[in-house]
N, C-alpha and C. Protein backbone atom coordinates (compact mmCIF):
# COMPACT_ATOMS: atom_id res chain seq x y z
N MET A 1 -0.88 7.33 14.92
CA MET A 1 -0.01 5.60 14.20
C MET A 1 0.96 6.45 13.57
N ALA A 2 2.57 5.84 13.72
CA ALA A 2 3.75 6.58 13.67
C ALA A 2 3.97 5.45 12.43
N ASN A 3 4.70 5.90 11.29
CA ASN A 3 4.87 5.19 9.98
C ASN A 3 6.28 4.44 10.27
N THR A 4 6.59 3.21 10.30
CA THR A 4 7.79 2.73 10.74
C THR A 4 8.50 2.79 9.43
N PRO A 5 9.57 3.42 9.07
CA PRO A 5 10.08 2.81 8.07
C PRO A 5 10.99 1.39 8.26
N LEU A 6 10.43 0.80 7.06
CA LEU A 6 11.75 -0.36 6.65
C LEU A 6 12.91 -0.49 6.28
N THR A 7 13.95 -0.72 6.51
CA THR A 7 14.95 -0.19 6.37
C THR A 7 15.68 -1.85 5.79
N PRO A 8 16.29 -1.47 4.52
CA PRO A 8 17.05 -2.91 3.61
C PRO A 8 17.67 -3.84 4.56
N GLU A 9 18.08 -3.40 5.88
CA GLU A 9 18.57 -4.48 7.35
C GLU A 9 17.74 -5.09 7.72
N ASN A 10 16.64 -4.28 8.09
CA ASN A 10 15.47 -4.80 8.68
C ASN A 10 14.79 -6.05 7.93
N LEU A 11 14.72 -5.67 6.26
CA LEU A 11 14.07 -6.74 5.15
C LEU A 11 14.51 -7.62 5.52
N GLU A 12 15.79 -7.56 4.98
CA GLU A 12 16.90 -9.06 5.21
C GLU A 12 16.93 -9.73 5.94
N LYS A 13 16.32 -9.11 7.24
CA LYS A 13 16.43 -9.90 8.47
C LYS A 13 15.23 -10.66 8.86
N LEU A 14 14.26 -9.96 7.63
CA LEU A 14 13.24 -10.42 8.10
C LEU A 14 13.04 -11.36 7.19
N LEU A 15 12.93 -11.61 6.26
CA LEU A 15 12.99 -12.54 5.33
C LEU A 15 14.01 -13.77 5.37
N SER A 16 15.11 -12.96 5.91
CA SER A 16 15.54 -14.55 6.51
C SER A 16 15.23 -15.34 7.63
N TYR A 17 14.31 -14.51 8.45
CA TYR A 17 13.94 -15.28 9.90
C TYR A 17 12.41 -16.27 9.03
N LEU A 18 11.95 -15.13 8.11
CA LEU A 18 10.79 -16.31 7.15
C LEU A 18 11.10 -17.73 6.88
N ASN A 19 12.29 -17.93 6.08
CA ASN A 19 12.69 -18.97 5.60
C ASN A 19 14.36 -18.69 5.20
N PRO A 20 15.31 -19.52 5.15
CA PRO A 20 16.49 -19.26 4.50
C PRO A 20 16.55 -19.39 3.42
N ASP A 21 15.95 -20.10 2.31
CA ASP A 21 15.43 -20.01 0.90
C ASP A 21 15.11 -18.70 0.27
N ARG A 22 15.68 -18.03 -0.27
CA ARG A 22 15.17 -16.34 -0.16
C ARG A 22 14.16 -16.29 -0.92
N GLU A 23 13.63 -17.02 -2.09
CA GLU A 23 12.57 -17.52 -2.98
C GLU A 23 11.43 -17.51 -2.33
N VAL A 24 11.00 -18.65 -1.37
CA VAL A 24 10.94 -18.73 -0.43
C VAL A 24 10.11 -17.94 0.55
N ALA A 25 11.26 -17.76 1.77
CA ALA A 25 10.88 -16.65 1.74
C ALA A 25 9.98 -15.27 1.21
N GLY A 26 10.52 -14.69 0.24
CA GLY A 26 9.42 -13.64 -0.56
C GLY A 26 8.45 -14.25 -0.93
N GLN A 27 8.10 -15.38 -0.99
CA GLN A 27 6.58 -15.59 -0.97
C GLN A 27 5.93 -15.97 0.21
N GLU A 28 6.77 -16.12 1.33
CA GLU A 28 5.94 -16.26 2.89
C GLU A 28 5.61 -14.76 3.18
N PHE A 29 6.48 -13.66 2.76
CA PHE A 29 6.40 -12.38 2.93
C PHE A 29 5.33 -11.88 2.21
N GLU A 30 4.68 -12.22 0.59
CA GLU A 30 4.16 -11.61 0.45
C GLU A 30 2.08 -12.54 0.78
N LEU A 31 2.61 -13.78 1.54
CA LEU A 31 1.79 -14.07 1.87
C LEU A 31 0.95 -13.32 3.24
N LEU A 32 2.33 -13.57 3.79
CA LEU A 32 1.78 -12.22 5.07
C LEU A 32 1.30 -11.33 5.15
N TRP A 33 1.90 -10.41 4.06
CA TRP A 33 1.33 -9.12 3.63
C TRP A 33 -0.28 -9.08 3.37
N LEU A 34 -0.28 -10.03 2.69
CA LEU A 34 -1.66 -10.30 1.79
C LEU A 34 -2.77 -10.70 3.43
N LYS A 35 -2.74 -11.62 4.20
CA LYS A 35 -3.42 -11.58 5.84
C LYS A 35 -3.57 -10.39 6.09
N MET A 36 -2.22 -9.60 6.16
CA MET A 36 -2.56 -8.74 7.11
C MET A 36 -3.48 -7.64 6.13
N ARG A 37 -3.53 -7.26 4.84
CA ARG A 37 -4.09 -6.47 4.60
C ARG A 37 -5.54 -6.50 4.76
N GLU A 38 -6.16 -8.17 4.38
CA GLU A 38 -6.79 -9.18 4.47
C GLU A 38 -7.71 -8.52 5.70
N TYR A 39 -6.49 -7.99 7.12
CA TYR A 39 -7.49 -8.69 8.53
C TYR A 39 -8.27 -6.87 8.57
N PHE A 40 -6.94 -5.69 7.58
CA PHE A 40 -7.33 -4.34 7.78
C PHE A 40 -9.27 -4.04 7.20
N ARG A 41 -9.28 -4.62 5.84
CA ARG A 41 -10.04 -4.18 4.80
C ARG A 41 -11.16 -5.47 5.96
N ALA A 42 -11.11 -6.40 5.95
CA ALA A 42 -12.57 -7.06 7.02
C ALA A 42 -13.02 -5.91 8.17
N ARG A 43 -12.01 -5.33 8.56
CA ARG A 43 -12.31 -4.39 9.42
C ARG A 43 -12.57 -3.08 9.51
N GLY A 44 -13.01 -2.74 8.02
CA GLY A 44 -13.43 -1.80 7.20
C GLY A 44 -12.62 -0.30 7.21
N CYS A 45 -10.80 -0.86 6.94
CA CYS A 45 -9.79 0.22 7.16
C CYS A 45 -9.83 1.03 6.17
N VAL A 46 -9.96 1.83 5.34
CA VAL A 46 -9.61 2.49 3.89
C VAL A 46 -8.31 2.10 3.33
N CYS A 47 -7.34 2.14 4.04
CA CYS A 47 -5.94 1.94 3.79
C CYS A 47 -5.27 1.02 3.58
N THR A 48 -6.34 0.19 3.18
CA THR A 48 -5.71 -1.04 3.62
C THR A 48 -3.90 -1.64 3.38
N GLU A 49 -4.02 -1.10 2.19
CA GLU A 49 -2.34 -1.36 2.00
C GLU A 49 -1.12 -0.86 2.93
N ASP A 50 -1.23 0.39 3.12
CA ASP A 50 -0.76 1.15 3.93
C ASP A 50 -0.65 1.13 5.73
N LEU A 51 -1.63 0.11 5.71
CA LEU A 51 -1.70 -0.13 7.15
C LEU A 51 -0.87 -1.83 6.99
N ALA A 52 -1.02 -3.08 6.40
CA ALA A 52 -0.01 -4.07 6.38
C ALA A 52 0.83 -4.06 6.38
N ASP A 53 1.18 -2.74 5.46
CA ASP A 53 2.77 -2.95 5.48
C ASP A 53 3.94 -1.82 6.52
N GLU A 54 2.50 -1.50 7.13
CA GLU A 54 3.27 -1.01 8.64
C GLU A 54 3.09 -1.92 9.41
N ALA A 55 1.94 -3.32 10.08
CA ALA A 55 2.60 -4.03 9.95
C ALA A 55 3.55 -4.75 9.69
N MET A 56 4.02 -5.44 8.45
CA MET A 56 5.22 -5.90 8.41
C MET A 56 6.27 -5.27 8.57
N ASN A 57 6.32 -4.11 8.52
CA ASN A 57 7.51 -2.80 9.01
C ASN A 57 8.01 -2.93 10.44
N ARG A 58 6.50 -3.31 11.16
CA ARG A 58 7.09 -3.31 12.89
C ARG A 58 7.63 -4.60 13.05
N LEU A 59 6.87 -5.58 12.10
CA LEU A 59 7.87 -6.93 12.35
C LEU A 59 8.78 -7.07 12.08
N ALA A 60 9.20 -6.54 10.82
CA ALA A 60 10.88 -6.49 11.05
C ALA A 60 11.40 -5.54 11.44
N ARG A 61 10.94 -4.90 12.46
CA ARG A 61 12.08 -4.05 13.12
C ARG A 61 12.08 -4.72 14.49
N LYS A 62 10.64 -5.68 14.86
CA LYS A 62 11.10 -6.10 16.05
C LYS A 62 12.05 -7.47 15.70
N ILE A 63 12.15 -8.35 15.35
CA ILE A 63 13.30 -9.45 14.11
C ILE A 63 14.01 -9.15 14.20
N ALA A 64 14.73 -7.60 13.85
CA ALA A 64 15.64 -6.51 13.41
C ALA A 64 16.05 -6.82 14.85
N GLU A 65 15.35 -6.42 16.03
CA GLU A 65 15.77 -6.11 17.26
C GLU A 65 16.25 -6.79 17.87
N GLY A 66 15.54 -8.41 17.91
CA GLY A 66 16.08 -9.27 18.09
C GLY A 66 15.14 -10.07 18.85
N GLU A 67 13.98 -9.73 19.08
CA GLU A 67 12.45 -9.92 19.88
C GLU A 67 12.65 -12.17 19.05
N ASP A 68 12.60 -12.76 19.94
CA ASP A 68 12.25 -14.17 19.65
C ASP A 68 10.85 -14.27 19.32
N ILE A 69 10.68 -14.33 18.20
CA ILE A 69 8.98 -14.38 17.83
C ILE A 69 8.83 -16.32 17.49
N ARG A 70 7.95 -17.29 18.37
CA ARG A 70 7.60 -18.48 17.95
C ARG A 70 7.02 -18.67 16.72
N ASP A 71 5.59 -17.68 17.02
CA ASP A 71 4.55 -18.13 15.59
C ASP A 71 4.84 -16.88 15.22
N VAL A 72 5.49 -16.56 13.74
CA VAL A 72 4.79 -15.42 13.06
C VAL A 72 3.82 -14.67 12.52
N LEU A 73 3.25 -15.80 12.47
CA LEU A 73 1.96 -15.31 12.03
C LEU A 73 0.74 -14.85 13.32
N ARG A 74 1.02 -15.59 14.42
CA ARG A 74 -0.09 -14.44 15.61
C ARG A 74 0.39 -13.94 16.20
N TYR A 75 2.23 -13.26 15.87
CA TYR A 75 2.94 -12.30 16.32
C TYR A 75 2.35 -10.94 15.46
N SER A 76 1.80 -11.21 14.22
CA SER A 76 1.95 -10.06 13.42
C SER A 76 0.73 -9.91 13.38
N TYR A 77 -0.11 -11.26 13.64
CA TYR A 77 -1.82 -10.60 13.79
C TYR A 77 -1.90 -9.86 15.72
N GLY A 78 -1.18 -9.79 16.30
CA GLY A 78 -0.91 -8.63 17.48
C GLY A 78 -0.61 -7.95 17.00
N LEU A 79 0.37 -7.38 16.34
CA LEU A 79 0.69 -6.35 15.74
C LEU A 79 -0.18 -5.21 14.99
N ALA A 80 -0.87 -6.22 13.92
CA ALA A 80 -2.11 -5.66 12.77
C ALA A 80 -3.12 -5.34 13.93
N ARG A 81 -3.46 -6.23 15.67
CA ARG A 81 -4.65 -5.71 16.42
C ARG A 81 -4.58 -4.29 16.98
N LEU A 82 -3.18 -4.42 17.23
CA LEU A 82 -2.51 -2.88 17.90
C LEU A 82 -2.51 -1.68 16.72
N ILE A 83 -2.01 -2.21 15.43
CA ILE A 83 -2.02 -0.52 14.49
C ILE A 83 -3.72 -0.72 14.10
N TRP A 84 -4.80 -1.29 14.09
CA TRP A 84 -6.24 -1.64 13.94
C TRP A 84 -6.09 -0.20 15.12
N LEU A 85 -6.19 -0.71 16.16
CA LEU A 85 -6.64 0.18 17.17
C LEU A 85 -6.13 2.09 17.08
N GLU A 86 -4.75 1.98 16.77
CA GLU A 86 -4.82 2.92 16.82
C GLU A 86 -5.05 3.90 15.20
N TYR A 87 -5.38 3.34 14.37
CA TYR A 87 -6.12 3.34 13.08
C TYR A 87 -7.43 4.03 13.80
N LEU A 88 -8.24 3.47 14.49
CA LEU A 88 -9.49 3.61 15.27
C LEU A 88 -9.27 5.17 15.88
N ARG A 89 -8.53 5.41 16.39
CA ARG A 89 -8.13 6.13 17.21
C ARG A 89 -7.89 8.01 16.51
N LYS A 90 -7.09 7.84 15.47
CA LYS A 90 -6.70 8.63 14.82
C LYS A 90 -8.19 9.44 14.08
N PRO A 91 -8.12 11.15 14.27
CA PRO A 91 -9.28 11.70 14.46
C PRO A 91 -9.97 11.28 12.55
N ASP A 92 -9.08 11.52 11.77
CA ASP A 92 -9.60 11.57 9.92
C ASP A 92 -10.53 10.04 9.83
N THR A 93 -10.14 8.80 10.74
CA THR A 93 -10.84 7.99 10.50
C THR A 93 -12.10 7.75 11.03
N ASN A 94 -12.28 8.78 11.80
CA ASN A 94 -13.73 8.78 12.77
C ASN A 94 -14.70 8.86 11.62
N HIS A 95 -15.72 8.09 10.82
CA HIS A 95 -15.72 8.33 10.26
C HIS A 95 -17.64 8.74 10.48
N VAL A 96 -18.32 9.76 9.84
CA VAL A 96 -19.75 10.90 10.63
C VAL A 96 -20.76 9.59 8.91
N PRO A 97 -21.57 9.43 10.06
CA PRO A 97 -23.13 8.54 9.02
C PRO A 97 -23.56 9.27 7.97
N LEU A 98 -23.60 9.19 7.38
CA LEU A 98 -24.31 10.16 6.02
C LEU A 98 -25.61 10.67 6.18
N ASP A 99 -26.67 10.09 7.07
CA ASP A 99 -27.81 11.00 7.73
C ASP A 99 -27.39 11.91 8.39
N GLU A 100 -26.09 12.18 9.20
CA GLU A 100 -25.56 13.50 10.02
C GLU A 100 -25.09 14.23 9.44
N LEU A 101 -24.89 14.08 8.44
CA LEU A 101 -23.73 14.72 7.68
C LEU A 101 -24.76 15.98 7.21
N PRO A 102 -24.56 17.45 6.71
CA PRO A 102 -25.79 18.75 6.49
C PRO A 102 -25.93 18.63 5.16
N VAL A 103 -27.45 19.12 4.75
CA VAL A 103 -27.89 18.85 3.92
C VAL A 103 -27.25 20.37 2.98
N LEU A 104 -26.67 20.34 1.49
CA LEU A 104 -26.42 21.50 0.46
C LEU A 104 -27.40 21.81 0.29
N SER A 105 -27.41 23.13 -0.25
CA SER A 105 -28.51 23.77 -1.08
C SER A 105 -28.18 23.08 -2.58
N PHE A 106 -26.78 22.61 -2.91
CA PHE A 106 -26.39 22.52 -4.11
C PHE A 106 -25.39 21.58 -4.03
N LEU A 107 -25.20 20.76 -5.00
CA LEU A 107 -24.32 20.18 -4.84
C LEU A 107 -22.57 20.27 -5.52
N PRO A 108 -21.23 20.60 -4.77
CA PRO A 108 -20.61 20.76 -5.18
C PRO A 108 -20.12 20.05 -6.94
N THR A 109 -19.49 20.60 -7.50
CA THR A 109 -19.00 20.17 -8.90
C THR A 109 -18.32 18.70 -8.40
N ASP A 110 -19.03 17.39 -8.03
CA ASP A 110 -18.40 16.44 -8.12
C ASP A 110 -17.71 16.22 -9.14
N LEU A 111 -18.65 15.90 -10.62
CA LEU A 111 -18.17 15.93 -12.01
C LEU A 111 -16.22 16.92 -12.25
N LEU A 112 -16.84 17.61 -12.21
CA LEU A 112 -15.62 18.60 -12.50
C LEU A 112 -14.44 17.90 -11.49
N LEU A 113 -14.07 17.24 -10.37
CA LEU A 113 -13.48 17.48 -9.31
C LEU A 113 -13.37 16.01 -9.82
N GLU A 114 -13.87 15.12 -10.36
CA GLU A 114 -13.70 13.86 -10.54
C GLU A 114 -12.67 14.21 -12.41
N LYS A 115 -13.19 14.66 -12.78
CA LYS A 115 -12.79 15.04 -14.08
C LYS A 115 -11.33 15.42 -13.68
N GLN A 116 -11.01 16.81 -13.10
CA GLN A 116 -9.94 16.53 -12.55
C GLN A 116 -8.68 15.86 -12.62
N LYS A 117 -9.98 15.02 -10.99
CA LYS A 117 -8.71 14.07 -10.80
C LYS A 117 -7.85 13.31 -11.73
N GLU A 118 -9.04 13.05 -12.60
CA GLU A 118 -8.33 11.64 -13.58
C GLU A 118 -7.74 12.75 -14.40
N GLN A 119 -7.62 14.26 -14.25
CA GLN A 119 -6.45 14.40 -15.97
C GLN A 119 -5.46 14.76 -14.82
N CYS A 120 -5.32 14.85 -13.42
CA CYS A 120 -4.34 14.72 -12.99
C CYS A 120 -3.24 13.50 -12.91
N TYR A 121 -4.20 12.74 -13.03
CA TYR A 121 -3.55 11.32 -12.38
C TYR A 121 -2.97 11.07 -14.31
N LEU A 122 -3.38 11.59 -15.13
CA LEU A 122 -3.09 11.18 -16.29
C LEU A 122 -1.67 11.93 -16.66
N HIS A 123 -2.00 13.34 -16.38
CA HIS A 123 -0.71 14.24 -15.81
C HIS A 123 0.51 13.37 -15.24
N CYS A 124 0.30 13.07 -14.20
CA CYS A 124 0.78 12.98 -12.97
C CYS A 124 1.78 11.36 -14.01
N LEU A 125 1.19 10.32 -14.43
CA LEU A 125 1.87 9.12 -15.03
C LEU A 125 2.22 9.23 -16.04
N GLN A 126 1.95 10.52 -16.91
CA GLN A 126 3.11 10.89 -18.10
C GLN A 126 4.04 11.70 -17.67
N GLN A 127 4.45 11.80 -16.63
CA GLN A 127 5.17 12.81 -15.73
C GLN A 127 6.87 11.75 -15.27
N LEU A 128 6.24 9.97 -14.92
CA LEU A 128 6.89 9.25 -14.41
C LEU A 128 7.84 8.61 -15.65
N PRO A 129 9.25 8.25 -16.22
CA PRO A 129 9.91 7.79 -16.67
C PRO A 129 8.84 6.36 -17.56
N GLU A 130 9.46 6.11 -18.33
CA GLU A 130 8.60 5.34 -19.58
C GLU A 130 8.72 3.99 -18.62
N GLU A 131 9.91 3.21 -18.17
CA GLU A 131 10.04 2.40 -17.57
C GLU A 131 9.28 2.18 -16.35
N GLU A 132 9.21 3.18 -15.59
CA GLU A 132 7.93 2.95 -14.01
C GLU A 132 6.35 2.94 -14.60
N ARG A 133 6.37 4.03 -15.95
CA ARG A 133 4.76 4.23 -16.20
C ARG A 133 4.46 2.60 -15.99
N ALA A 134 5.22 2.01 -17.19
CA ALA A 134 4.68 0.78 -17.59
C ALA A 134 5.00 -0.47 -17.31
N LEU A 135 5.37 -0.48 -15.99
CA LEU A 135 5.93 -1.23 -14.62
C LEU A 135 4.39 -0.91 -14.04
N ILE A 136 4.34 0.57 -13.40
CA ILE A 136 2.69 0.77 -12.76
C ILE A 136 1.92 0.60 -12.92
N ILE A 137 1.40 0.46 -14.11
CA ILE A 137 0.22 0.11 -15.70
C ILE A 137 -0.20 -1.29 -15.30
N GLU A 138 1.29 -1.95 -15.57
CA GLU A 138 0.82 -3.46 -15.86
C GLU A 138 0.87 -4.02 -14.36
N TYR A 139 1.50 -3.43 -13.70
CA TYR A 139 1.24 -4.11 -11.79
C TYR A 139 -0.38 -4.03 -11.76
N TRP A 140 -0.99 -2.93 -11.60
CA TRP A 140 -2.16 -2.94 -11.40
C TRP A 140 -3.36 -3.54 -12.45
N ASP A 141 -2.96 -3.59 -13.58
CA ASP A 141 -3.89 -4.02 -14.42
C ASP A 141 -4.72 -5.38 -13.87
N HIS A 142 -4.52 -6.22 -13.14
CA HIS A 142 -5.40 -7.71 -12.90
C HIS A 142 -5.94 -7.22 -12.05
N ASP A 143 -7.40 -7.79 -11.93
CA ASP A 143 -8.10 -8.01 -10.78
C ASP A 143 -7.72 -9.37 -10.17
N GLY A 144 -8.96 -9.66 -9.05
CA GLY A 144 -9.02 -10.13 -8.53
C GLY A 144 -8.32 -11.60 -8.32
N GLN A 145 -8.39 -13.11 -8.59
CA GLN A 145 -7.33 -14.20 -8.68
C GLN A 145 -6.37 -13.80 -9.53
N SER A 146 -6.24 -13.54 -10.78
CA SER A 146 -5.44 -13.16 -11.66
C SER A 146 -4.32 -12.35 -11.19
N HIS A 147 -4.63 -11.18 -10.57
CA HIS A 147 -3.55 -10.29 -9.82
C HIS A 147 -2.28 -10.96 -9.38
N HIS A 148 -2.56 -12.10 -8.57
CA HIS A 148 -1.42 -12.32 -7.96
C HIS A 148 -0.06 -13.28 -9.04
N LYS A 149 -1.13 -14.05 -9.67
CA LYS A 149 0.16 -14.74 -10.54
C LYS A 149 0.27 -13.94 -11.48
N ALA A 150 -0.72 -13.49 -11.95
CA ALA A 150 -0.08 -11.58 -13.24
C ALA A 150 0.88 -11.44 -12.38
N ARG A 151 1.15 -10.72 -11.33
CA ARG A 151 2.46 -9.98 -10.36
C ARG A 151 4.10 -10.71 -10.19
N LYS A 152 3.34 -12.46 -10.50
CA LYS A 152 4.59 -12.76 -10.00
C LYS A 152 5.35 -13.69 -11.43
N GLU A 153 4.56 -13.48 -12.42
CA GLU A 153 4.90 -13.28 -13.58
C GLU A 153 6.07 -12.01 -14.36
N LEU A 154 5.64 -11.24 -13.71
CA LEU A 154 5.96 -9.64 -13.65
C LEU A 154 7.63 -9.79 -13.35
N ALA A 155 7.78 -10.48 -12.20
CA ALA A 155 8.66 -10.45 -11.21
C ALA A 155 9.45 -11.18 -12.23
N GLU A 156 9.31 -12.22 -12.25
CA GLU A 156 10.30 -13.36 -12.97
C GLU A 156 10.51 -13.09 -14.31
N ARG A 157 10.05 -12.18 -14.88
CA ARG A 157 10.11 -11.29 -16.54
C ARG A 157 11.17 -10.42 -15.85
N LEU A 158 10.96 -9.66 -14.98
CA LEU A 158 11.86 -8.79 -14.96
C LEU A 158 13.53 -9.17 -13.78
N GLY A 159 13.44 -10.38 -12.99
CA GLY A 159 14.50 -11.18 -12.92
C GLY A 159 15.09 -10.94 -11.55
N ILE A 160 13.27 -10.61 -10.34
CA ILE A 160 13.29 -9.73 -9.40
C ILE A 160 12.26 -10.56 -8.56
N SER A 161 12.68 -10.56 -6.90
CA SER A 161 11.51 -11.25 -6.22
C SER A 161 10.29 -10.41 -5.79
N LEU A 162 8.76 -11.06 -5.92
CA LEU A 162 7.81 -10.60 -5.38
C LEU A 162 7.70 -9.42 -4.50
N VAL A 163 8.59 -9.65 -3.10
CA VAL A 163 9.36 -8.63 -2.42
C VAL A 163 9.45 -7.77 -3.22
N ALA A 164 10.53 -7.97 -3.72
CA ALA A 164 11.56 -6.83 -4.86
C ALA A 164 10.15 -5.72 -5.54
N LEU A 165 9.79 -6.40 -6.63
CA LEU A 165 8.81 -5.73 -7.18
C LEU A 165 7.70 -4.61 -5.84
N ARG A 166 7.14 -5.67 -5.45
CA ARG A 166 6.48 -4.59 -4.42
C ARG A 166 7.10 -3.17 -4.21
N ILE A 167 8.14 -3.49 -3.61
CA ILE A 167 8.97 -2.88 -3.29
C ILE A 167 9.41 -0.85 -4.01
N ARG A 168 9.19 -1.86 -5.27
CA ARG A 168 9.51 -0.92 -6.57
C ARG A 168 8.11 -0.21 -6.87
N VAL A 169 7.16 -0.86 -7.18
CA VAL A 169 5.65 -0.20 -7.52
C VAL A 169 5.73 0.37 -5.87
N THR A 170 5.39 0.54 -5.18
CA THR A 170 5.77 1.63 -3.70
C THR A 170 5.90 2.62 -3.98
N ARG A 171 7.41 2.27 -4.05
CA ARG A 171 7.77 3.72 -5.00
C ARG A 171 7.53 4.60 -6.08
N ILE A 172 7.48 4.13 -6.71
CA ILE A 172 6.42 4.51 -7.70
C ILE A 172 5.51 5.18 -7.53
N LYS A 173 4.49 4.43 -6.63
CA LYS A 173 3.28 4.91 -6.20
C LYS A 173 3.48 6.10 -5.28
N LYS A 174 4.57 6.16 -4.68
CA LYS A 174 4.42 7.39 -3.84
C LYS A 174 4.88 8.69 -4.66
N LYS A 175 5.73 8.55 -5.58
CA LYS A 175 5.97 9.52 -7.03
C LYS A 175 4.31 10.10 -6.92
N LEU A 176 3.40 8.97 -7.74
CA LEU A 176 2.30 9.05 -8.28
C LEU A 176 1.26 10.11 -7.20
N GLU A 177 1.47 9.65 -6.66
CA GLU A 177 0.71 10.55 -5.31
C GLU A 177 1.30 12.08 -5.08
N SER A 178 1.85 11.92 -4.65
CA SER A 178 2.81 12.71 -4.83
C SER A 178 2.13 14.38 -5.78
N CYS A 179 2.83 13.89 -6.93
CA CYS A 179 2.70 14.38 -7.63
C CYS A 179 0.88 14.62 -7.78
N LEU A 180 0.25 14.07 -7.63
CA LEU A 180 -1.42 14.29 -7.73
C LEU A 180 -1.78 14.69 -6.66
N ALA A 181 -1.22 14.95 -5.53
CA ALA A 181 -1.44 15.83 -4.81
C ALA A 181 -1.34 17.71 -5.53
N THR A 182 0.06 17.49 -5.61
CA THR A 182 0.75 18.54 -6.30
C THR A 182 -0.58 19.32 -7.00
N CYS A 183 -0.75 18.60 -7.91
CA CYS A 183 -1.46 18.72 -9.25
C CYS A 183 -2.93 19.12 -8.92
N LEU A 184 -3.57 18.61 -7.94
CA LEU A 184 -4.55 18.72 -7.42
C LEU A 184 -4.83 20.35 -6.39
N GLU A 185 -3.48 20.59 -6.02
CA GLU A 185 -3.70 21.99 -5.12
C GLU A 185 -3.49 23.07 -5.97
N GLN A 186 -2.38 22.70 -6.76
CA GLN A 186 -2.28 23.48 -7.88
C GLN A 186 -3.75 24.01 -9.01
N GLY A 187 -4.70 23.04 -9.48
CA GLY A 187 -5.83 23.16 -10.42
C GLY A 187 -5.19 22.78 -11.14
N LEU A 188 -4.08 21.94 -11.85
CA LEU A 188 -3.19 21.82 -13.00
C LEU A 188 -3.67 20.19 -13.41
N PRO A 189 -3.99 20.16 -14.62
CA PRO A 189 -3.91 20.63 -15.46
C PRO A 189 -5.35 21.59 -15.78
N LYS A 190 -5.62 22.64 -16.60
CA LYS A 190 -7.13 22.65 -16.73
C LYS A 190 -8.11 22.06 -17.42
N VAL A 191 -9.14 21.51 -16.84
CA VAL A 191 -10.41 20.74 -16.87
C VAL A 191 -11.07 21.85 -18.18
N LYS A 192 -11.29 20.75 -19.20
CA LYS A 192 -11.89 21.71 -20.61
C LYS A 192 -12.96 21.24 -20.70
């Protein structure tokens, strides 16, 4: 499955296509993204946010290319189905049932690895500029139904749309993931 980059131009065209009112378009974008994420979650996908992003990116590209889409929701579900089929064909998504895994004579140091991950995550959070660290923590601080309202309030406080907030958080998340991968690969910081 190829990751389709979302260019600012394509995002603008998609938002304009969804609704001429920028704020309403942002809300429709967010709602459509949530539906795509739920579509992938219901099918047992692990990386639902990444797959929902891919669906939205492809939709934006199709609109930018001049595709005449009469029913955006129906078209989006069609794209999601194709992405899901691609996801199923990826070798790393073919899960092995637990009873088919070999039995180990001892358990690897799972607790040590979890502690290492936790320390790396904290280390990487500290590497972020204070503004980004505060934003990512506040963005992910809420669970369940309250998260949408809290994120909307956060966007309003920052004076940006929900779409812009989500894009900003995605960029910070990618920095964290990159730092975390490096940290775990290098084995830093050391577990005490």
